[in-house]
Amino acid sequence: MKNKISILLLLALFTLTQVSKAQDFSSGDVFAKKFWLYALGGTMVPVGLKIDGDSLPTVFPNFNNGVQLGVGFQYNPNARWVLALNVMNFLSFNYKNPLPNASNAKVEEEKLKNGFNSYFSNTSIGIEGRYKFIPLKKFNPYLLAELSGNYYLAEIEPRLGYFEQSRVGNVDFGDDIVRDKYTLLRFDAKKIEPSIAFGTKFGIGCDYKLNENIILFLQGTYSTIFTQSNLLLKSNCNFISIQAGVRFGLVKSKSIL
């Protein structure tokens, strides 16, 4: 009798498991596809202190917002978890010196005349994990985390300062004209040689199922590149990203455990 009850319980458990699988991965559901390719793009915003403890401008936080492009490949081991490989690049231009008198029309004219330019480029390869909150729904929010290797390089235009000084001549000799004296100060440009650093990324996003083969997504992330040991950067590179993209399903599975 006990054996019969055990067998019935096992059969019931097996039946419930199969029903659960069928509900999670019906033959027509987009998330039953195990392998996906995707492309994404967006903007990145450098964050951090713009002036350091010595009252000198920092490097990365003073760059303008940049652009990002990337591609990825993902594997869905089950309904909630995703494992992905990402290749990303971001590029930021226009370093802005935050110090007073660091920029005005005369300075910008000097930069343009001499062809000065600034940029910060980073290419990363990362392993990303995602956890989906409500799989199988049309809207599917998720959390993500990534560990990456980063290849970065940068160049910063010379820091220019333009100051106006006025003085009054010797009134006793009738020289009471105000004279302006302009001084253009230039500091050496900085060039960050190609270097490698580890990085992390954390964020939240949402998938939107367009059809069985296409998913649109939007995500926001906070990233850190551990560049503190770099003699010119002197601190980690932190930035916020807003990205949008599309995923394309490749291989369909009848069941994903």
Protein backbone atom coordinates (compact mmCIF):
# COMPACT_ATOMS: atom_id res chain seq x y z
CA MET A 1 0.00 0.00 0.00
CA LYS A 2 2.78 2.38 0.94
CA ASN A 3 4.55 1.61 -2.34
CA LYS A 4 1.39 2.41 -4.28
CA ILE A 5 1.01 5.72 -2.44
CA SER A 6 4.69 6.60 -3.12
CA ILE A 7 4.26 5.81 -6.80
CA LEU A 8 1.11 7.94 -6.99
CA LEU A 9 2.89 10.84 -5.28
CA LEU A 10 5.82 10.58 -7.69
CA LEU A 11 3.45 10.49 -10.64
CA ALA A 12 1.61 13.54 -9.30
CA LEU A 13 4.87 15.41 -8.79
CA PHE A 14 6.02 14.49 -12.29
CA THR A 15 2.70 15.64 -13.75
CA LEU A 16 2.89 18.99 -11.93
CA THR A 17 6.46 19.46 -13.17
CA GLN A 18 5.42 18.84 -16.77
CA VAL A 19 2.44 21.17 -16.46
CA SER A 20 4.73 23.87 -15.03
CA LYS A 21 7.12 23.42 -17.93
CA ALA A 22 4.30 23.63 -20.41
CA GLN A 23 3.04 26.84 -18.84
CA ASP A 24 6.51 28.41 -18.75
CA PHE A 25 7.58 27.40 -22.26
CA SER A 26 4.69 26.79 -24.55
CA SER A 27 5.63 26.03 -28.13
CA GLY A 28 4.61 29.51 -29.20
CA ASP A 29 6.35 31.52 -26.49
CA VAL A 30 9.29 33.74 -27.36
CA PHE A 31 11.28 32.87 -24.22
CA ALA A 32 11.43 29.23 -25.25
CA LYS A 33 14.28 30.21 -27.55
CA LYS A 34 17.57 29.41 -25.90
CA PHE A 35 19.95 31.47 -28.04
CA TRP A 36 19.66 35.12 -29.02
CA LEU A 37 21.71 37.80 -30.74
CA TYR A 38 21.18 41.47 -29.92
CA ALA A 39 22.41 44.96 -30.73
CA LEU A 40 22.13 48.08 -28.59
CA GLY A 41 23.07 51.73 -28.49
CA GLY A 42 22.71 54.65 -26.15
CA THR A 43 24.36 57.43 -24.24
CA MET A 44 26.80 57.45 -21.32
CA VAL A 45 27.17 60.19 -18.71
CA PRO A 46 30.48 60.47 -16.79
CA VAL A 47 29.99 61.04 -13.06
CA GLY A 48 32.34 61.94 -10.21
CA LEU A 49 34.28 64.87 -8.78
CA LYS A 50 35.30 67.42 -11.39
CA ILE A 51 38.02 68.96 -9.19
CA ASP A 52 40.30 66.86 -6.96
CA GLY A 53 41.59 67.54 -3.44
CA ASP A 54 44.47 69.63 -4.82
CA SER A 55 42.01 71.94 -6.64
CA LEU A 56 43.05 70.53 -10.00
CA PRO A 57 40.66 69.29 -12.69
CA THR A 58 40.07 65.56 -12.80
CA VAL A 59 40.01 63.76 -16.14
CA PHE A 60 37.10 61.43 -16.85
CA PRO A 61 34.27 63.29 -15.04
CA ASN A 62 34.97 66.43 -17.11
CA PHE A 63 34.25 64.79 -20.45
CA ASN A 64 30.93 65.45 -22.14
CA ASN A 65 28.31 62.74 -22.50
CA GLY A 66 29.37 60.04 -24.94
CA VAL A 67 27.77 57.52 -27.30
CA GLN A 68 27.69 53.74 -26.92
CA LEU A 69 27.27 50.89 -29.40
CA GLY A 70 27.39 47.18 -28.73
CA VAL A 71 26.42 43.66 -29.70
CA GLY A 72 25.78 40.57 -27.62
CA PHE A 73 24.95 36.89 -27.57
CA GLN A 74 22.79 35.36 -24.87
CA TYR A 75 21.82 31.90 -23.63
CA ASN A 76 18.64 31.27 -21.63
CA PRO A 77 19.21 28.25 -19.33
CA ASN A 78 15.70 28.63 -17.91
CA ALA A 79 12.73 30.95 -17.80
CA ARG A 80 14.22 33.49 -15.42
CA TRP A 81 17.99 33.48 -15.89
CA VAL A 82 20.07 34.74 -18.82
CA LEU A 83 23.80 34.42 -19.42
CA ALA A 84 25.23 36.82 -22.03
CA LEU A 85 28.46 37.87 -23.70
CA ASN A 86 28.67 41.59 -24.53
CA VAL A 87 31.08 43.61 -26.70
CA MET A 88 30.64 47.35 -26.16
CA ASN A 89 32.38 50.57 -27.15
CA PHE A 90 31.83 54.10 -25.92
CA LEU A 91 33.39 57.29 -27.20
CA SER A 92 33.28 60.68 -25.51
CA PHE A 93 34.54 64.00 -26.89
CA ASN A 94 35.04 67.55 -25.63
CA TYR A 95 36.86 67.66 -22.32
CA LYS A 96 35.76 70.73 -20.34
CA ASN A 97 38.08 72.32 -17.82
CA PRO A 98 35.94 73.38 -14.82
CA LEU A 99 38.39 75.98 -13.47
CA PRO A 100 37.60 79.72 -13.74
CA ASN A 101 38.95 81.48 -16.84
CA ALA A 102 39.66 78.10 -18.39
CA SER A 103 37.48 78.75 -21.39
CA ASN A 104 36.09 81.73 -23.28
CA ALA A 105 35.87 82.92 -26.87
CA LYS A 106 39.62 83.63 -27.11
CA VAL A 107 40.52 80.21 -25.74
CA GLU A 108 38.12 78.44 -28.08
CA GLU A 109 39.61 80.38 -30.99
CA GLU A 110 43.09 79.24 -29.97
CA LYS A 111 41.95 75.61 -29.71
CA LEU A 112 40.33 75.73 -33.13
CA LYS A 113 43.39 77.34 -34.71
CA ASN A 114 45.73 74.68 -33.34
CA GLY A 115 43.41 71.74 -33.99
CA PHE A 116 43.27 70.71 -30.34
CA ASN A 117 40.85 67.91 -29.56
CA SER A 118 39.96 65.55 -26.73
CA TYR A 119 38.46 62.08 -26.62
CA PHE A 120 38.05 59.10 -24.33
CA SER A 121 37.48 55.68 -25.88
CA ASN A 122 36.74 52.38 -24.16
CA THR A 123 36.06 48.93 -25.59
CA SER A 124 34.82 46.22 -23.24
CA ILE A 125 34.10 42.50 -23.35
CA GLY A 126 31.86 41.36 -20.53
CA ILE A 127 30.02 38.39 -19.08
CA GLU A 128 26.54 39.47 -18.01
CA GLY A 129 23.86 37.78 -15.95
CA ARG A 130 20.19 38.77 -15.94
CA TYR A 131 17.31 37.81 -13.70
CA LYS A 132 13.81 38.24 -15.16
CA PHE A 133 11.00 39.02 -12.71
CA ILE A 134 7.93 37.94 -14.70
CA PRO A 135 8.97 35.68 -17.58
CA LEU A 136 6.51 34.91 -20.38
CA LYS A 137 4.81 38.29 -20.09
CA LYS A 138 4.82 40.89 -22.84
CA PHE A 139 6.64 43.31 -20.52
CA ASN A 140 9.41 41.61 -18.58
CA PRO A 141 11.53 43.71 -16.16
CA TYR A 142 14.94 42.37 -15.15
CA LEU A 143 18.05 43.02 -13.08
CA LEU A 144 21.52 42.71 -14.60
CA ALA A 145 25.13 42.51 -13.46
CA GLU A 146 28.32 42.27 -15.50
CA LEU A 147 32.05 41.70 -15.05
CA SER A 148 34.16 43.02 -17.92
CA GLY A 149 37.63 43.55 -19.30
CA ASN A 150 38.21 47.07 -20.69
CA TYR A 151 40.68 48.50 -23.21
CA TYR A 152 40.80 52.30 -22.92
CA LEU A 153 42.79 55.24 -24.25
CA ALA A 154 42.35 59.00 -24.19
CA GLU A 155 43.79 62.35 -25.16
CA ILE A 156 43.13 65.67 -23.48
CA GLU A 157 43.73 68.97 -25.19
CA PRO A 158 46.11 71.43 -23.50
CA ARG A 159 44.46 73.37 -20.72
CA LEU A 160 44.22 77.00 -21.77
CA GLY A 161 43.50 79.99 -19.56
CA TYR A 162 42.83 83.50 -20.77
CA PHE A 163 43.04 86.35 -18.29
CA GLU A 164 42.37 90.06 -18.63
CA GLN A 165 44.36 92.46 -16.47
CA SER A 166 43.80 96.22 -16.38
CA ARG A 167 46.01 98.99 -15.07
CA VAL A 168 45.88 102.81 -14.98
CA GLY A 169 48.88 104.80 -16.25
CA ASN A 170 50.76 107.59 -14.39
CA VAL A 171 48.23 110.39 -14.04
CA ASP A 172 51.01 112.96 -13.34
CA PHE A 173 52.24 112.54 -16.91
CA GLY A 174 48.75 112.62 -18.37
CA ASP A 175 48.79 108.90 -18.92
CA ASP A 176 45.39 108.03 -17.51
CA ILE A 177 44.39 105.54 -20.18
CA VAL A 178 43.29 102.12 -19.02
CA ARG A 179 45.35 99.47 -20.74
CA ASP A 180 44.33 95.84 -21.01
CA LYS A 181 46.89 93.10 -20.89
CA TYR A 182 45.97 89.63 -22.12
CA THR A 183 47.85 86.58 -21.04
CA LEU A 184 47.27 83.18 -22.61
CA LEU A 185 48.41 80.32 -20.39
CA ARG A 186 48.88 76.84 -21.78
CA PHE A 187 49.47 73.60 -19.94
CA ASP A 188 50.78 70.43 -21.50
CA ALA A 189 48.28 68.10 -23.12
CA LYS A 190 47.70 64.70 -21.57
CA LYS A 191 47.75 61.46 -23.49
CA ILE A 192 46.58 58.28 -21.83
CA GLU A 193 48.26 55.34 -23.52
CA PRO A 194 46.19 52.22 -24.30
CA SER A 195 45.59 50.35 -21.06
CA ILE A 196 43.55 47.45 -19.69
CA ALA A 197 41.34 47.40 -16.59
CA PHE A 198 38.56 45.34 -15.09
CA GLY A 199 35.07 46.76 -14.76
CA THR A 200 31.63 46.12 -13.30
CA LYS A 201 28.12 47.06 -14.33
CA PHE A 202 24.78 46.90 -12.51
CA GLY A 203 21.39 47.94 -13.74
CA ILE A 204 17.73 47.35 -14.41
CA GLY A 205 15.85 47.00 -17.67
CA CYS A 206 12.71 45.77 -19.36
CA ASP A 207 12.06 43.49 -22.34
CA TYR A 208 9.06 44.01 -24.62
CA LYS A 209 8.03 41.00 -26.68
CA LEU A 210 7.26 42.21 -30.19
CA ASN A 211 6.75 38.69 -31.57
CA GLU A 212 8.23 35.21 -31.21
CA ASN A 213 11.51 36.23 -32.85
CA ILE A 214 12.05 39.84 -31.80
CA ILE A 215 12.31 41.51 -28.39
CA LEU A 216 12.83 45.23 -27.84
CA PHE A 217 14.51 46.35 -24.63
CA LEU A 218 15.42 49.45 -22.63
CA GLN A 219 17.87 49.49 -19.70
CA GLY A 220 19.72 51.83 -17.37
CA THR A 221 23.09 50.90 -15.84
CA TYR A 222 25.84 52.18 -13.56
CA SER A 223 29.36 51.16 -14.61
CA THR A 224 32.80 51.37 -13.02
CA ILE A 225 36.16 50.87 -14.74
CA PHE A 226 38.90 50.35 -12.17
CA THR A 227 41.47 52.86 -13.44
CA GLN A 228 42.58 54.25 -10.09
CA SER A 229 46.14 52.98 -10.61
CA ASN A 230 46.52 54.99 -13.83
CA LEU A 231 48.94 57.88 -13.16
CA LEU A 232 46.90 60.37 -15.18
CA LEU A 233 43.36 59.29 -14.34
CA LYS A 234 44.11 58.73 -10.61
CA SER A 235 40.57 57.52 -9.95
CA ASN A 236 38.05 55.02 -11.26
CA CYS A 237 35.90 55.89 -14.27
CA ASN A 238 32.23 55.86 -13.29
CA PHE A 239 29.35 56.50 -15.66
CA ILE A 240 25.61 56.08 -16.07
CA SER A 241 24.20 54.62 -19.28
CA ILE A 242 20.78 54.62 -20.92
CA GLN A 243 20.57 51.99 -23.67
CA ALA A 244 17.98 50.61 -26.05
CA GLY A 245 18.23 47.65 -28.36
CA VAL A 246 16.67 44.67 -30.10
CA ARG A 247 17.12 40.91 -29.58
CA PHE A 248 16.74 38.30 -32.33
CA GLY A 249 15.85 34.70 -31.47
CA LEU A 250 18.01 32.00 -33.09
CA VAL A 251 17.24 28.51 -31.80
CA LYS A 252 13.93 27.37 -30.39
CA SER A 253 13.65 24.73 -27.67
CA LYS A 254 10.48 22.80 -26.87
CA SER A 255 11.42 22.85 -23.22
CA ILE A 256 13.97 24.66 -21.08
CA LEU A 257 14.40 23.19 -17.61
